[in-house]
């Protein structure tokens, strides 16, 4: 069995075909990953109790802090 595989790989035309197939699989996998990351649900973050939540790309945004009475037990 190993002899058959090695004989197949010794042919330059077969190696070229395998290289094209491997490259195509990499491109397809990258495209699937890109689509998945684009449509994946983004996490929702909430700050309760007077906290502040800011995203990583947020710059020069005003933060308004208001005080409210603590919740009644």
N, C-alpha and C. Protein backbone atom coordinates (compact mmCIF):
# COMPACT_ATOMS: atom_id res chain seq x y z
N UNK A 1 0.83 -1.19 0.00
CA UNK A 1 0.00 0.00 0.00
C UNK A 1 0.87 1.25 0.00
N UNK A 2 1.90 1.28 0.86
CA UNK A 2 2.76 2.45 0.92
C UNK A 2 3.51 2.63 -0.39
N UNK A 3 3.87 1.52 -1.03
CA UNK A 3 4.55 1.59 -2.33
C UNK A 3 3.66 2.25 -3.38
N UNK A 4 2.38 1.96 -3.34
CA UNK A 4 1.43 2.55 -4.29
C UNK A 4 1.33 4.06 -4.09
N UNK A 5 1.25 4.47 -2.83
CA UNK A 5 1.16 5.90 -2.52
C UNK A 5 2.44 6.61 -2.94
N UNK A 6 3.57 6.03 -2.64
CA UNK A 6 4.84 6.66 -3.01
C UNK A 6 4.99 6.73 -4.53
N UNK A 7 4.56 5.70 -5.25
CA UNK A 7 4.62 5.73 -6.71
C UNK A 7 3.71 6.82 -7.26
N UNK A 8 2.56 7.02 -6.63
CA UNK A 8 1.64 8.09 -7.04
C UNK A 8 2.26 9.46 -6.81
N UNK A 9 2.92 9.62 -5.68
CA UNK A 9 3.51 10.93 -5.34
C UNK A 9 4.78 11.24 -6.14
N UNK A 10 5.41 10.24 -6.71
CA UNK A 10 6.62 10.49 -7.50
C UNK A 10 6.32 11.18 -8.82
N UNK A 11 5.10 11.04 -9.31
CA UNK A 11 4.73 11.67 -10.57
C UNK A 11 4.49 13.17 -10.36
N UNK A 12 5.23 14.05 -11.06
CA UNK A 12 5.06 15.50 -10.87
C UNK A 12 3.65 15.98 -11.21
N UNK A 13 2.98 15.37 -12.14
CA UNK A 13 1.61 15.79 -12.48
C UNK A 13 0.66 15.51 -11.32
N UNK A 14 0.84 14.38 -10.66
CA UNK A 14 -0.01 14.07 -9.50
C UNK A 14 0.26 15.02 -8.34
N UNK A 15 1.52 15.37 -8.13
CA UNK A 15 1.85 16.33 -7.07
C UNK A 15 1.25 17.70 -7.37
N UNK A 16 1.24 18.09 -8.64
CA UNK A 16 0.64 19.39 -9.01
C UNK A 16 -0.86 19.39 -8.73
N UNK A 17 -1.51 18.29 -9.07
CA UNK A 17 -2.95 18.19 -8.80
C UNK A 17 -3.21 18.26 -7.29
N UNK A 18 -2.42 17.56 -6.51
CA UNK A 18 -2.60 17.60 -5.05
C UNK A 18 -2.34 19.00 -4.49
N UNK A 19 -1.37 19.71 -5.07
CA UNK A 19 -1.09 21.07 -4.62
C UNK A 19 -2.28 21.99 -4.90
N UNK A 20 -2.87 21.86 -6.09
CA UNK A 20 -4.04 22.67 -6.42
C UNK A 20 -5.22 22.34 -5.49
N UNK A 21 -5.44 21.07 -5.26
CA UNK A 21 -6.54 20.68 -4.37
C UNK A 21 -6.31 21.18 -2.95
N UNK A 22 -5.09 21.07 -2.46
CA UNK A 22 -4.78 21.56 -1.11
C UNK A 22 -4.96 23.05 -1.00
N UNK A 23 -4.49 23.79 -2.01
CA UNK A 23 -4.68 25.25 -2.00
C UNK A 23 -6.14 25.64 -2.04
N UNK A 24 -6.92 24.91 -2.85
CA UNK A 24 -8.35 25.18 -2.91
C UNK A 24 -9.05 24.92 -1.59
N UNK A 25 -8.64 23.85 -0.92
CA UNK A 25 -9.25 23.56 0.39
C UNK A 25 -8.93 24.65 1.41
N UNK A 26 -7.72 25.17 1.35
CA UNK A 26 -7.34 26.26 2.28
C UNK A 26 -8.18 27.50 2.01
N UNK A 27 -8.38 27.82 0.74
CA UNK A 27 -9.19 29.00 0.40
C UNK A 27 -10.64 28.80 0.83
N UNK A 28 -11.18 27.62 0.59
CA UNK A 28 -12.56 27.35 0.99
C UNK A 28 -12.71 27.41 2.51
N UNK A 29 -11.76 26.83 3.24
CA UNK A 29 -11.83 26.87 4.71
C UNK A 29 -11.75 28.31 5.22
N UNK A 30 -10.88 29.11 4.61
CA UNK A 30 -10.78 30.52 5.02
C UNK A 30 -12.06 31.28 4.74
N UNK A 31 -12.70 31.01 3.61
CA UNK A 31 -13.97 31.67 3.30
C UNK A 31 -15.07 31.27 4.25
N UNK A 32 -15.13 29.98 4.58
CA UNK A 32 -16.15 29.52 5.54
C UNK A 32 -15.93 30.18 6.91
N UNK A 33 -14.66 30.27 7.34
CA UNK A 33 -14.37 30.89 8.63
C UNK A 33 -14.75 32.38 8.62
N UNK A 34 -14.50 33.06 7.51
CA UNK A 34 -14.85 34.48 7.40
C UNK A 34 -16.37 34.67 7.48
N UNK A 35 -17.12 33.84 6.77
CA UNK A 35 -18.58 33.94 6.82
C UNK A 35 -19.09 33.64 8.22
N UNK A 36 -18.53 32.62 8.86
CA UNK A 36 -18.93 32.28 10.22
C UNK A 36 -18.68 33.44 11.18
N UNK A 37 -17.49 34.03 11.11
CA UNK A 37 -17.17 35.14 12.01
C UNK A 37 -18.04 36.36 11.74
N UNK A 38 -18.45 36.58 10.49
CA UNK A 38 -19.28 37.73 10.15
C UNK A 38 -20.69 37.57 10.70
N UNK A 39 -21.25 36.36 10.59
CA UNK A 39 -22.63 36.15 11.00
C UNK A 39 -22.77 35.62 12.43
N UNK A 40 -21.69 35.32 13.10
CA UNK A 40 -21.78 34.81 14.47
C UNK A 40 -22.37 35.87 15.39
N UNK A 41 -23.10 35.43 16.37
CA UNK A 41 -23.71 36.36 17.31
C UNK A 41 -22.64 37.07 18.13
N UNK A 42 -22.79 38.37 18.22
CA UNK A 42 -21.86 39.17 19.01
C UNK A 42 -22.33 39.14 20.47
N UNK A 43 -21.41 39.07 21.41
CA UNK A 43 -21.83 39.05 22.82
C UNK A 43 -22.42 40.38 23.24
N UNK A 44 -23.44 40.32 24.06
CA UNK A 44 -24.06 41.52 24.60
C UNK A 44 -23.52 41.72 26.01
N UNK A 45 -23.04 42.92 26.25
CA UNK A 45 -22.44 43.23 27.55
C UNK A 45 -23.25 44.34 28.20
N UNK A 46 -23.65 44.11 29.44
CA UNK A 46 -24.40 45.12 30.19
C UNK A 46 -23.66 45.44 31.46
N UNK A 47 -23.72 46.68 31.85
CA UNK A 47 -23.13 47.11 33.10
C UNK A 47 -24.26 47.55 34.03
N UNK A 48 -24.45 46.83 35.10
CA UNK A 48 -25.47 47.19 36.08
C UNK A 48 -24.79 47.74 37.33
N UNK A 49 -25.54 48.46 38.08
CA UNK A 49 -25.03 48.97 39.35
C UNK A 49 -24.00 50.08 39.19
N UNK A 50 -24.15 50.92 38.17
CA UNK A 50 -23.26 52.06 38.02
C UNK A 50 -21.98 51.76 37.27
N UNK A 51 -21.88 50.60 36.63
CA UNK A 51 -20.66 50.29 35.88
C UNK A 51 -20.65 50.95 34.51
N UNK A 52 -19.49 50.91 33.85
CA UNK A 52 -19.34 51.48 32.52
C UNK A 52 -18.78 50.39 31.60
N UNK A 53 -19.38 50.26 30.42
CA UNK A 53 -18.92 49.29 29.44
C UNK A 53 -18.54 50.04 28.18
N UNK A 54 -17.33 49.81 27.69
CA UNK A 54 -16.87 50.46 26.47
C UNK A 54 -16.24 49.39 25.59
N UNK A 55 -16.54 49.43 24.29
CA UNK A 55 -15.94 48.50 23.35
C UNK A 55 -14.49 48.82 23.08
N UNK A 56 -13.79 47.91 22.41
CA UNK A 56 -12.36 48.09 22.20
C UNK A 56 -12.03 49.19 21.21
N UNK A 57 -12.93 49.53 20.28
CA UNK A 57 -12.65 50.54 19.27
C UNK A 57 -13.34 51.87 19.58
N UNK A 58 -13.73 52.09 20.79
CA UNK A 58 -14.45 53.28 21.16
C UNK A 58 -13.46 54.37 21.57
N UNK A 59 -13.47 55.49 20.86
CA UNK A 59 -12.58 56.60 21.20
C UNK A 59 -13.36 57.91 21.18
N UNK A 60 -12.95 58.83 22.01
CA UNK A 60 -13.52 60.18 22.08
C UNK A 60 -15.04 60.17 22.25
N UNK A 61 -15.55 59.27 23.06
CA UNK A 61 -16.98 59.20 23.33
C UNK A 61 -17.24 59.70 24.74
N UNK A 62 -18.25 60.56 24.88
CA UNK A 62 -18.55 61.06 26.23
C UNK A 62 -19.17 59.96 27.09
N UNK A 63 -18.83 59.98 28.34
CA UNK A 63 -19.42 59.05 29.30
C UNK A 63 -20.20 59.89 30.30
N UNK A 64 -21.49 59.65 30.38
CA UNK A 64 -22.34 60.39 31.31
C UNK A 64 -22.68 59.46 32.46
N UNK A 65 -22.33 59.89 33.66
CA UNK A 65 -22.62 59.08 34.84
C UNK A 65 -23.68 59.80 35.64
N UNK A 66 -24.80 59.13 35.85
CA UNK A 66 -25.87 59.69 36.66
C UNK A 66 -26.00 58.86 37.92
N UNK A 67 -26.39 59.50 38.96
CA UNK A 67 -26.57 58.78 40.23
C UNK A 67 -28.05 58.49 40.42
N UNK A 68 -28.32 57.36 40.96
CA UNK A 68 -29.68 56.99 41.27
C UNK A 68 -29.66 56.33 42.63
N UNK A 69 -30.76 56.35 43.31
CA UNK A 69 -30.77 55.73 44.63
C UNK A 69 -30.59 54.24 44.53
N UNK A 70 -29.95 53.64 45.52
CA UNK A 70 -29.76 52.19 45.51
C UNK A 70 -31.12 51.48 45.56
N UNK A 71 -31.18 50.27 45.01
CA UNK A 71 -32.47 49.55 45.05
C UNK A 71 -32.88 49.22 46.48
N UNK A 72 -34.16 49.23 46.70
CA UNK A 72 -34.69 48.93 48.03
C UNK A 72 -34.67 47.42 48.24
N UNK A 73 -34.26 46.98 49.41
CA UNK A 73 -34.21 45.52 49.68
C UNK A 73 -35.57 44.90 49.82
